[in-house]
């Protein structure tokens, strides 16, 4: 059986199509939308040219295809043309999805940068008011903040599960170093996690995100509990303050957490809304290299 081999012209077109497709993906990854659109259009044009070449070959050879073998070749051509059309449609859909995902990622990144900028503008309170809320002895050392988060989460996971709360850690780094007392950092994290679990008042999750921006480390502890009004949220770090969702306790946990953050020259603030959960944002200076 004699089969048709691909011509040099068709091979060149296929190579050009592959290059255009790869260039489109690269331009999209680096957010060069205009170049991506140009290369995608060129890819589509090459597909159409290849389509017409295949069609021309089909018309040229149609008169010579009289037996079953030639009928099978016709079916192969038609199948290939259909596949190319479906591939072109699929590539267009993939490109739209990639563009949507990139837009969403850029929007989320801009939001995080705004929140980081807001945290950086908040001046820390003087350290002279902190000692009464801190442990008596301090042993500062180079400390892996991510490892400390994992240790505290492991310690508290059983108690959280009893309250129907799952703990999750989100970070892109293997380690982030800070100069601090390990006990201070664990107390800060435990107090915030314990407060979140107590006041969620329903099954849910608490996500702890640790990141590094410039010379600062950021910890965000965000739950999906009942939350508080924005007016009450402004006072949650005050000594002995208990909001409208008060339960048993002395209201010291978040005040002590804030004292520790202030002691290390960081900032801490909260965002919440009734029924929208609570988010605690912490900025701390990274370990100097």
C-alpha atoms as a PDB file:
ATOM      1  CA  UNK A   1       0.000   0.000   0.000  1.00  0.00           C
ATOM      2  CA  UNK A   2       1.432   3.373  -1.031  1.00  0.00           C
ATOM      3  CA  UNK A   3       0.827   6.167   1.444  1.00  0.00           C
ATOM      4  CA  UNK A   4       1.293   9.887   0.987  1.00  0.00           C
ATOM      5  CA  UNK A   5       4.312  11.341   2.735  1.00  0.00           C
ATOM      6  CA  UNK A   6       4.277  14.800   4.206  1.00  0.00           C
ATOM      7  CA  UNK A   7       5.778  17.401   1.893  1.00  0.00           C
ATOM      8  CA  UNK A   8       8.539  19.828   2.802  1.00  0.00           C
ATOM      9  CA  UNK A   9       6.066  22.688   2.544  1.00  0.00           C
ATOM     10  CA  UNK A  10       3.711  21.009   4.998  1.00  0.00           C
ATOM     11  CA  UNK A  11       6.596  20.192   7.358  1.00  0.00           C
ATOM     12  CA  UNK A  12       7.686  23.836   7.391  1.00  0.00           C
ATOM     13  CA  UNK A  13       4.108  24.918   8.138  1.00  0.00           C
ATOM     14  CA  UNK A  14       3.862  22.439  11.016  1.00  0.00           C
ATOM     15  CA  UNK A  15       7.165  23.676  12.489  1.00  0.00           C
ATOM     16  CA  UNK A  16       6.008  27.295  12.203  1.00  0.00           C
ATOM     17  CA  UNK A  17       2.694  26.401  13.874  1.00  0.00           C
ATOM     18  CA  UNK A  18       4.579  24.782  16.783  1.00  0.00           C
ATOM     19  CA  UNK A  19       6.845  27.827  17.197  1.00  0.00           C
ATOM     20  CA  UNK A  20       3.849  30.204  17.160  1.00  0.00           C
ATOM     21  CA  UNK A  21       2.012  28.132  19.736  1.00  0.00           C
ATOM     22  CA  UNK A  22       5.063  27.999  22.053  1.00  0.00           C
ATOM     23  CA  UNK A  23       5.606  31.761  21.632  1.00  0.00           C
ATOM     24  CA  UNK A  24       1.961  32.413  22.546  1.00  0.00           C
ATOM     25  CA  UNK A  25       2.336  30.480  25.823  1.00  0.00           C
ATOM     26  CA  UNK A  26       5.614  32.286  26.672  1.00  0.00           C
ATOM     27  CA  UNK A  27       4.136  35.742  25.947  1.00  0.00           C
ATOM     28  CA  UNK A  28       1.114  34.953  28.083  1.00  0.00           C
ATOM     29  CA  UNK A  29       3.341  33.772  30.945  1.00  0.00           C
ATOM     30  CA  UNK A  30       5.217  37.117  30.880  1.00  0.00           C
ATOM     31  CA  UNK A  31       1.932  39.042  30.463  1.00  0.00           C
ATOM     32  CA  UNK A  32       2.751  40.304  26.936  1.00  0.00           C
ATOM     33  CA  UNK A  33      -0.883  40.061  25.839  1.00  0.00           C
ATOM     34  CA  UNK A  34      -0.497  41.904  22.535  1.00  0.00           C
ATOM     35  CA  UNK A  35       2.374  39.694  21.357  1.00  0.00           C
ATOM     36  CA  UNK A  36       0.481  36.622  22.521  1.00  0.00           C
ATOM     37  CA  UNK A  37      -2.539  37.666  20.450  1.00  0.00           C
ATOM     38  CA  UNK A  38      -0.328  38.251  17.401  1.00  0.00           C
ATOM     39  CA  UNK A  39       1.342  34.849  17.617  1.00  0.00           C
ATOM     40  CA  UNK A  40      -1.994  33.138  18.238  1.00  0.00           C
ATOM     41  CA  UNK A  41      -3.486  34.802  15.132  1.00  0.00           C
ATOM     42  CA  UNK A  42      -0.447  33.730  13.103  1.00  0.00           C
ATOM     43  CA  UNK A  43      -0.878  30.184  14.424  1.00  0.00           C
ATOM     44  CA  UNK A  44      -4.543  30.228  13.340  1.00  0.00           C
ATOM     45  CA  UNK A  45      -3.608  31.480   9.859  1.00  0.00           C
ATOM     46  CA  UNK A  46      -1.040  28.709   9.490  1.00  0.00           C
ATOM     47  CA  UNK A  47      -3.676  26.161  10.517  1.00  0.00           C
ATOM     48  CA  UNK A  48      -5.987  27.462   7.810  1.00  0.00           C
ATOM     49  CA  UNK A  49      -3.187  27.373   5.213  1.00  0.00           C
ATOM     50  CA  UNK A  50      -2.400  23.800   6.180  1.00  0.00           C
ATOM     51  CA  UNK A  51      -6.088  23.027   5.985  1.00  0.00           C
ATOM     52  CA  UNK A  52      -6.276  24.336   2.429  1.00  0.00           C
ATOM     53  CA  UNK A  53      -3.095  22.472   1.484  1.00  0.00           C
ATOM     54  CA  UNK A  54      -4.596  19.231   2.755  1.00  0.00           C
ATOM     55  CA  UNK A  55      -7.822  20.056   0.948  1.00  0.00           C
ATOM     56  CA  UNK A  56      -5.932  20.809  -2.258  1.00  0.00           C
ATOM     57  CA  UNK A  57      -4.122  17.477  -2.003  1.00  0.00           C
ATOM     58  CA  UNK A  58      -7.429  15.783  -1.427  1.00  0.00           C
ATOM     59  CA  UNK A  59      -9.030  17.372  -4.514  1.00  0.00           C
ATOM     60  CA  UNK A  60      -5.980  16.628  -6.653  1.00  0.00           C
ATOM     61  CA  UNK A  61      -5.930  12.961  -5.703  1.00  0.00           C
ATOM     62  CA  UNK A  62      -9.704  12.419  -5.477  1.00  0.00           C
ATOM     63  CA  UNK A  63     -10.019  11.287  -9.091  1.00  0.00           C
ATOM     64  CA  UNK A  64      -7.325   8.641  -8.578  1.00  0.00           C
ATOM     65  CA  UNK A  65      -8.850   7.094  -5.438  1.00  0.00           C
ATOM     66  CA  UNK A  66     -10.986   4.235  -6.765  1.00  0.00           C
ATOM     67  CA  UNK A  67     -10.332   1.255  -4.508  1.00  0.00           C
ATOM     68  CA  UNK A  68     -10.711   0.522  -0.810  1.00  0.00           C
ATOM     69  CA  UNK A  69      -7.138   1.522   0.008  1.00  0.00           C
ATOM     70  CA  UNK A  70      -7.627   4.974  -1.489  1.00  0.00           C
ATOM     71  CA  UNK A  71     -10.958   5.344   0.359  1.00  0.00           C
ATOM     72  CA  UNK A  72      -9.090   4.728   3.630  1.00  0.00           C
ATOM     73  CA  UNK A  73      -6.627   7.491   2.732  1.00  0.00           C
ATOM     74  CA  UNK A  74      -9.552   9.868   2.184  1.00  0.00           C
ATOM     75  CA  UNK A  75     -10.890   9.011   5.626  1.00  0.00           C
ATOM     76  CA  UNK A  76      -7.456   9.694   7.147  1.00  0.00           C
ATOM     77  CA  UNK A  77      -7.314  13.114   5.487  1.00  0.00           C
ATOM     78  CA  UNK A  78     -10.771  14.015   6.712  1.00  0.00           C
ATOM     79  CA  UNK A  79      -9.932  12.832  10.223  1.00  0.00           C
ATOM     80  CA  UNK A  80      -6.740  14.891  10.274  1.00  0.00           C
ATOM     81  CA  UNK A  81      -8.552  18.010   9.073  1.00  0.00           C
ATOM     82  CA  UNK A  82     -11.212  17.559  11.757  1.00  0.00           C
ATOM     83  CA  UNK A  83      -8.562  17.020  14.418  1.00  0.00           C
ATOM     84  CA  UNK A  84      -6.735  20.194  13.408  1.00  0.00           C
ATOM     85  CA  UNK A  85      -9.961  22.177  13.612  1.00  0.00           C
ATOM     86  CA  UNK A  86     -10.750  20.792  17.061  1.00  0.00           C
ATOM     87  CA  UNK A  87      -7.187  21.460  18.195  1.00  0.00           C
ATOM     88  CA  UNK A  88      -7.446  25.070  17.048  1.00  0.00           C
ATOM     89  CA  UNK A  89     -10.696  25.537  18.980  1.00  0.00           C
ATOM     90  CA  UNK A  90      -9.188  23.887  22.056  1.00  0.00           C
ATOM     91  CA  UNK A  91      -6.097  26.107  21.906  1.00  0.00           C
ATOM     92  CA  UNK A  92      -8.279  29.209  21.797  1.00  0.00           C
ATOM     93  CA  UNK A  93     -10.137  28.042  24.898  1.00  0.00           C
ATOM     94  CA  UNK A  94      -6.864  27.260  26.708  1.00  0.00           C
ATOM     95  CA  UNK A  95      -5.503  30.701  25.888  1.00  0.00           C
ATOM     96  CA  UNK A  96      -8.614  32.398  27.267  1.00  0.00           C
ATOM     97  CA  UNK A  97      -8.350  30.342  30.465  1.00  0.00           C
ATOM     98  CA  UNK A  98      -4.660  31.203  30.839  1.00  0.00           C
ATOM     99  CA  UNK A  99      -5.444  34.886  30.422  1.00  0.00           C
ATOM    100  CA  UNK A 100      -8.211  34.685  33.034  1.00  0.00           C
ATOM    101  CA  UNK A 101      -5.912  32.875  35.485  1.00  0.00           C
ATOM    102  CA  UNK A 102      -3.157  35.442  34.942  1.00  0.00           C
ATOM    103  CA  UNK A 103      -5.560  38.333  35.547  1.00  0.00           C
ATOM    104  CA  UNK A 104      -6.775  36.701  38.766  1.00  0.00           C
ATOM    105  CA  UNK A 105      -3.205  36.106  39.982  1.00  0.00           C
ATOM    106  CA  UNK A 106      -2.196  39.708  39.244  1.00  0.00           C
ATOM    107  CA  UNK A 107      -5.266  41.003  41.069  1.00  0.00           C
ATOM    108  CA  UNK A 108      -4.530  38.845  44.123  1.00  0.00           C
ATOM    109  CA  UNK A 109      -0.878  39.938  44.111  1.00  0.00           C
ATOM    110  CA  UNK A 110      -1.906  43.612  43.981  1.00  0.00           C
ATOM    111  CA  UNK A 111      -4.268  43.055  46.907  1.00  0.00           C
ATOM    112  CA  UNK A 112      -1.495  41.435  48.990  1.00  0.00           C
ATOM    113  CA  UNK A 113       0.861  44.310  48.215  1.00  0.00           C
ATOM    114  CA  UNK A 114      -1.765  46.848  49.300  1.00  0.00           C
ATOM    115  CA  UNK A 115      -2.292  44.976  52.559  1.00  0.00           C
ATOM    116  CA  UNK A 116       1.475  44.783  53.101  1.00  0.00           C
ATOM    117  CA  UNK A 117       1.808  48.512  52.461  1.00  0.00           C
ATOM    118  CA  UNK A 118      -0.992  49.228  54.924  1.00  0.00           C
ATOM    119  CA  UNK A 119       0.753  47.092  57.542  1.00  0.00           C
ATOM    120  CA  UNK A 120       4.052  48.846  56.934  1.00  0.00           C
ATOM    121  CA  UNK A 121       2.500  52.283  57.529  1.00  0.00           C
ATOM    122  CA  UNK A 122       1.270  51.375  60.986  1.00  0.00           C
ATOM    123  CA  UNK A 123       3.798  52.504  63.554  1.00  0.00           C
ATOM    124  CA  UNK A 124       4.628  49.954  66.290  1.00  0.00           C
ATOM    125  CA  UNK A 125       3.865  50.890  69.884  1.00  0.00           C
ATOM    126  CA  UNK A 126       6.755  51.529  72.266  1.00  0.00           C
ATOM    127  CA  UNK A 127       8.414  48.433  73.711  1.00  0.00           C
ATOM    128  CA  UNK A 128       8.323  49.961  77.206  1.00  0.00           C
ATOM    129  CA  UNK A 129       4.695  48.837  77.698  1.00  0.00           C
ATOM    130  CA  UNK A 130       5.308  45.246  76.590  1.00  0.00           C
ATOM    131  CA  UNK A 131       7.342  43.567  79.393  1.00  0.00           C
ATOM    132  CA  UNK A 132       4.388  42.932  81.727  1.00  0.00           C
ATOM    133  CA  UNK A 133       2.750  40.835  79.002  1.00  0.00           C
ATOM    134  CA  UNK A 134       5.887  38.933  77.937  1.00  0.00           C
ATOM    135  CA  UNK A 135       7.625  35.889  79.428  1.00  0.00           C
ATOM    136  CA  UNK A 136      10.265  36.812  82.011  1.00  0.00           C
ATOM    137  CA  UNK A 137      13.258  35.389  80.132  1.00  0.00           C
ATOM    138  CA  UNK A 138      14.148  35.970  76.498  1.00  0.00           C
ATOM    139  CA  UNK A 139      16.645  33.975  74.447  1.00  0.00           C
ATOM    140  CA  UNK A 140      16.750  35.537  70.967  1.00  0.00           C
ATOM    141  CA  UNK A 141      18.207  33.389  68.227  1.00  0.00           C
ATOM    142  CA  UNK A 142      17.963  32.763  64.491  1.00  0.00           C
ATOM    143  CA  UNK A 143      14.586  31.066  64.208  1.00  0.00           C
ATOM    144  CA  UNK A 144      12.795  29.399  61.269  1.00  0.00           C
ATOM    145  CA  UNK A 145       9.341  30.998  61.314  1.00  0.00           C
ATOM    146  CA  UNK A 146       7.785  28.329  59.090  1.00  0.00           C
ATOM    147  CA  UNK A 147       9.082  25.512  61.313  1.00  0.00           C
ATOM    148  CA  UNK A 148       7.651  27.318  64.364  1.00  0.00           C
ATOM    149  CA  UNK A 149       4.251  27.567  62.658  1.00  0.00           C
ATOM    150  CA  UNK A 150       4.273  23.854  61.897  1.00  0.00           C
ATOM    151  CA  UNK A 151       5.212  22.993  65.501  1.00  0.00           C
ATOM    152  CA  UNK A 152       2.391  25.096  66.970  1.00  0.00           C
ATOM    153  CA  UNK A 153      -0.100  23.695  64.462  1.00  0.00           C
ATOM    154  CA  UNK A 154       0.907  20.131  65.395  1.00  0.00           C
ATOM    155  CA  UNK A 155       0.509  20.955  69.085  1.00  0.00           C
ATOM    156  CA  UNK A 156      -2.968  22.445  68.628  1.00  0.00           C
ATOM    157  CA  UNK A 157      -4.341  20.275  65.816  1.00  0.00           C
ATOM    158  CA  UNK A 158      -6.093  17.786  68.135  1.00  0.00           C
ATOM    159  CA  UNK A 159      -7.874  20.525  70.083  1.00  0.00           C
ATOM    160  CA  UNK A 160      -8.859  22.275  66.853  1.00  0.00           C
ATOM    161  CA  UNK A 161     -10.318  19.067  65.432  1.00  0.00           C
ATOM    162  CA  UNK A 162     -12.448  18.670  68.558  1.00  0.00           C
ATOM    163  CA  UNK A 163     -13.986  22.060  67.756  1.00  0.00           C
ATOM    164  CA  UNK A 164     -14.463  21.156  64.083  1.00  0.00           C
ATOM    165  CA  UNK A 165     -11.698  23.467  62.864  1.00  0.00           C
ATOM    166  CA  UNK A 166      -9.034  22.361  60.374  1.00  0.00           C
ATOM    167  CA  UNK A 167      -5.587  23.998  60.291  1.00  0.00           C
ATOM    168  CA  UNK A 168      -3.784  24.651  57.010  1.00  0.00           C
ATOM    169  CA  UNK A 169      -0.366  26.174  56.270  1.00  0.00           C
ATOM    170  CA  UNK A 170       0.255  27.999  52.991  1.00  0.00           C
ATOM    171  CA  UNK A 171       3.748  29.156  51.979  1.00  0.00           C
ATOM    172  CA  UNK A 172       6.025  29.181  48.942  1.00  0.00           C
ATOM    173  CA  UNK A 173       9.210  29.002  51.033  1.00  0.00           C
ATOM    174  CA  UNK A 174      11.020  26.135  52.723  1.00  0.00           C
ATOM    175  CA  UNK A 175      12.192  28.381  55.562  1.00  0.00           C
ATOM    176  CA  UNK A 176      12.046  32.048  56.605  1.00  0.00           C
ATOM    177  CA  UNK A 177      14.456  33.204  59.291  1.00  0.00           C
ATOM    178  CA  UNK A 178      13.710  35.699  62.051  1.00  0.00           C
ATOM    179  CA  UNK A 179      15.713  36.688  65.127  1.00  0.00           C
ATOM    180  CA  UNK A 180      13.437  36.074  68.094  1.00  0.00           C
ATOM    181  CA  UNK A 181      12.800  33.896  71.110  1.00  0.00           C
ATOM    182  CA  UNK A 182      11.128  30.642  70.032  1.00  0.00           C
ATOM    183  CA  UNK A 183       8.854  30.716  73.099  1.00  0.00           C
ATOM    184  CA  UNK A 184       7.676  34.249  72.277  1.00  0.00           C
ATOM    185  CA  UNK A 185       6.755  33.281  68.706  1.00  0.00           C
ATOM    186  CA  UNK A 186       4.940  30.118  69.833  1.00  0.00           C
ATOM    187  CA  UNK A 187       2.931  32.084  72.425  1.00  0.00           C
ATOM    188  CA  UNK A 188       1.968  34.646  69.787  1.00  0.00           C
ATOM    189  CA  UNK A 189       0.781  31.965  67.340  1.00  0.00           C
ATOM    190  CA  UNK A 190      -0.985  29.854  69.990  1.00  0.00           C
ATOM    191  CA  UNK A 191      -2.892  32.855  71.345  1.00  0.00           C
ATOM    192  CA  UNK A 192      -4.177  33.850  67.911  1.00  0.00           C
ATOM    193  CA  UNK A 193      -5.084  30.275  66.895  1.00  0.00           C
ATOM    194  CA  UNK A 194      -6.792  29.647  70.249  1.00  0.00           C
ATOM    195  CA  UNK A 195      -8.773  32.891  69.930  1.00  0.00           C
ATOM    196  CA  UNK A 196      -9.863  31.994  66.401  1.00  0.00           C
ATOM    197  CA  UNK A 197     -10.990  28.482  67.406  1.00  0.00           C
ATOM    198  CA  UNK A 198     -12.962  29.779  70.414  1.00  0.00           C
ATOM    199  CA  UNK A 199     -14.791  32.519  68.536  1.00  0.00           C
ATOM    200  CA  UNK A 200     -15.525  30.779  65.210  1.00  0.00           C
ATOM    201  CA  UNK A 201     -18.596  29.134  66.793  1.00  0.00           C
ATOM    202  CA  UNK A 202     -18.986  26.733  63.860  1.00  0.00           C
ATOM    203  CA  UNK A 203     -17.063  24.152  61.895  1.00  0.00           C
ATOM    204  CA  UNK A 204     -14.580  25.688  59.521  1.00  0.00           C
ATOM    205  CA  UNK A 205     -10.944  26.231  58.696  1.00  0.00           C
ATOM    206  CA  UNK A 206      -8.052  28.441  59.738  1.00  0.00           C
ATOM    207  CA  UNK A 207      -5.441  29.089  57.035  1.00  0.00           C
ATOM    208  CA  UNK A 208      -2.014  30.371  58.060  1.00  0.00           C
ATOM    209  CA  UNK A 209      -0.097  32.033  55.216  1.00  0.00           C
ATOM    210  CA  UNK A 210       3.598  32.864  55.653  1.00  0.00           C
ATOM    211  CA  UNK A 211       5.391  34.982  53.047  1.00  0.00           C
ATOM    212  CA  UNK A 212       8.420  37.211  52.522  1.00  0.00           C
ATOM    213  CA  UNK A 213       8.244  40.653  50.897  1.00  0.00           C
ATOM    214  CA  UNK A 214      11.393  42.771  50.805  1.00  0.00           C
ATOM    215  CA  UNK A 215      12.978  42.912  54.269  1.00  0.00           C
ATOM    216  CA  UNK A 216       9.822  41.810  56.068  1.00  0.00           C
ATOM    217  CA  UNK A 217       8.040  38.570  56.910  1.00  0.00           C
ATOM    218  CA  UNK A 218       4.244  38.394  56.831  1.00  0.00           C
ATOM    219  CA  UNK A 219       1.925  36.007  58.645  1.00  0.00           C
ATOM    220  CA  UNK A 220      -1.787  35.995  57.839  1.00  0.00           C
ATOM    221  CA  UNK A 221      -4.128  33.877  59.989  1.00  0.00           C
ATOM    222  CA  UNK A 222      -7.559  33.822  58.350  1.00  0.00           C
ATOM    223  CA  UNK A 223     -10.618  31.843  59.462  1.00  0.00           C
ATOM    224  CA  UNK A 224     -14.121  31.511  58.040  1.00  0.00           C
ATOM    225  CA  UNK A 225     -15.987  31.898  61.315  1.00  0.00           C
ATOM    226  CA  UNK A 226     -18.711  34.344  62.292  1.00  0.00           C
ATOM    227  CA  UNK A 227     -16.348  37.317  62.581  1.00  0.00           C
ATOM    228  CA  UNK A 228     -17.049  40.710  64.163  1.00  0.00           C
ATOM    229  CA  UNK A 229     -18.257  44.082  62.973  1.00  0.00           C
ATOM    230  CA  UNK A 230     -15.526  46.418  61.730  1.00  0.00           C
ATOM    231  CA  UNK A 231     -16.140  48.725  64.710  1.00  0.00           C
ATOM    232  CA  UNK A 232     -15.525  45.928  67.226  1.00  0.00           C
ATOM    233  CA  UNK A 233     -12.540  44.606  65.261  1.00  0.00           C
ATOM    234  CA  UNK A 234     -10.652  47.860  65.916  1.00  0.00           C
ATOM    235  CA  UNK A 235     -10.563  47.053  69.668  1.00  0.00           C
ATOM    236  CA  UNK A 236      -9.737  43.330  69.790  1.00  0.00           C
ATOM    237  CA  UNK A 237      -6.082  43.919  70.772  1.00  0.00           C
ATOM    238  CA  UNK A 238      -7.011  46.091  73.756  1.00  0.00           C
ATOM    239  CA  UNK A 239      -6.417  44.647  77.211  1.00  0.00           C
ATOM    240  CA  UNK A 240      -9.446  42.751  78.613  1.00  0.00           C
ATOM    241  CA  UNK A 241     -11.614  43.706  75.618  1.00  0.00           C
ATOM    242  CA  UNK A 242     -14.430  41.261  74.776  1.00  0.00           C
ATOM    243  CA  UNK A 243     -16.752  41.880  71.875  1.00  0.00           C
ATOM    244  CA  UNK A 244     -20.410  41.049  71.358  1.00  0.00           C
ATOM    245  CA  UNK A 245     -19.472  37.386  70.838  1.00  0.00           C
ATOM    246  CA  UNK A 246     -17.799  37.236  74.274  1.00  0.00           C
ATOM    247  CA  UNK A 247     -17.251  33.887  75.932  1.00  0.00           C
ATOM    248  CA  UNK A 248     -15.331  32.822  79.041  1.00  0.00           C
ATOM    249  CA  UNK A 249     -11.794  34.177  79.223  1.00  0.00           C
ATOM    250  CA  UNK A 250      -9.842  37.243  80.325  1.00  0.00           C
ATOM    251  CA  UNK A 251      -9.334  38.850  76.911  1.00  0.00           C
ATOM    252  CA  UNK A 252      -5.549  38.746  77.334  1.00  0.00           C
ATOM    253  CA  UNK A 253      -4.556  36.462  74.410  1.00  0.00           C
ATOM    254  CA  UNK A 254      -4.596  38.931  71.527  1.00  0.00           C
ATOM    255  CA  UNK A 255      -3.198  41.726  73.717  1.00  0.00           C
ATOM    256  CA  UNK A 256      -0.213  39.530  74.553  1.00  0.00           C
ATOM    257  CA  UNK A 257       0.201  38.577  70.875  1.00  0.00           C
ATOM    258  CA  UNK A 258       0.285  42.268  69.950  1.00  0.00           C
ATOM    259  CA  UNK A 259       2.815  42.980  72.721  1.00  0.00           C
ATOM    260  CA  UNK A 260       5.145  40.324  71.284  1.00  0.00           C
ATOM    261  CA  UNK A 261       4.801  41.710  67.758  1.00  0.00           C
ATOM    262  CA  UNK A 262       5.466  45.253  69.032  1.00  0.00           C
ATOM    263  CA  UNK A 263       8.463  44.021  71.015  1.00  0.00           C
ATOM    264  CA  UNK A 264      10.134  42.763  67.832  1.00  0.00           C
ATOM    265  CA  UNK A 265       9.379  45.988  65.942  1.00  0.00           C
ATOM    266  CA  UNK A 266       6.543  44.545  63.868  1.00  0.00           C
ATOM    267  CA  UNK A 267       2.931  45.484  63.234  1.00  0.00           C
ATOM    268  CA  UNK A 268      -0.318  43.591  63.706  1.00  0.00           C
ATOM    269  CA  UNK A 269      -3.876  44.414  62.723  1.00  0.00           C
ATOM    270  CA  UNK A 270      -7.171  42.642  62.078  1.00  0.00           C
ATOM    271  CA  UNK A 271      -9.826  42.648  59.372  1.00  0.00           C
ATOM    272  CA  UNK A 272     -13.292  41.247  59.833  1.00  0.00           C
ATOM    273  CA  UNK A 273     -16.963  41.686  59.105  1.00  0.00           C
ATOM    274  CA  UNK A 274     -20.078  40.138  60.582  1.00  0.00           C
ATOM    275  CA  UNK A 275     -20.388  36.654  59.085  1.00  0.00           C
ATOM    276  CA  UNK A 276     -17.171  37.063  57.061  1.00  0.00           C
ATOM    277  CA  UNK A 277     -14.609  35.485  59.366  1.00  0.00           C
ATOM    278  CA  UNK A 278     -11.554  37.073  60.959  1.00  0.00           C
ATOM    279  CA  UNK A 279      -8.097  37.736  59.465  1.00  0.00           C
ATOM    280  CA  UNK A 280      -5.047  38.709  61.545  1.00  0.00           C
ATOM    281  CA  UNK A 281      -2.149  40.294  59.612  1.00  0.00           C
ATOM    282  CA  UNK A 282       1.343  40.309  61.155  1.00  0.00           C
ATOM    283  CA  UNK A 283       4.510  41.964  59.795  1.00  0.00           C
ATOM    284  CA  UNK A 284       7.879  41.150  61.367  1.00  0.00           C
ATOM    285  CA  UNK A 285      11.437  42.133  60.326  1.00  0.00           C
ATOM    286  CA  UNK A 286      13.402  39.275  58.768  1.00  0.00           C
ATOM    287  CA  UNK A 287      16.698  37.989  60.190  1.00  0.00           C
ATOM    288  CA  UNK A 288      19.579  40.151  58.964  1.00  0.00           C
ATOM    289  CA  UNK A 289      22.078  38.248  56.826  1.00  0.00           C
END
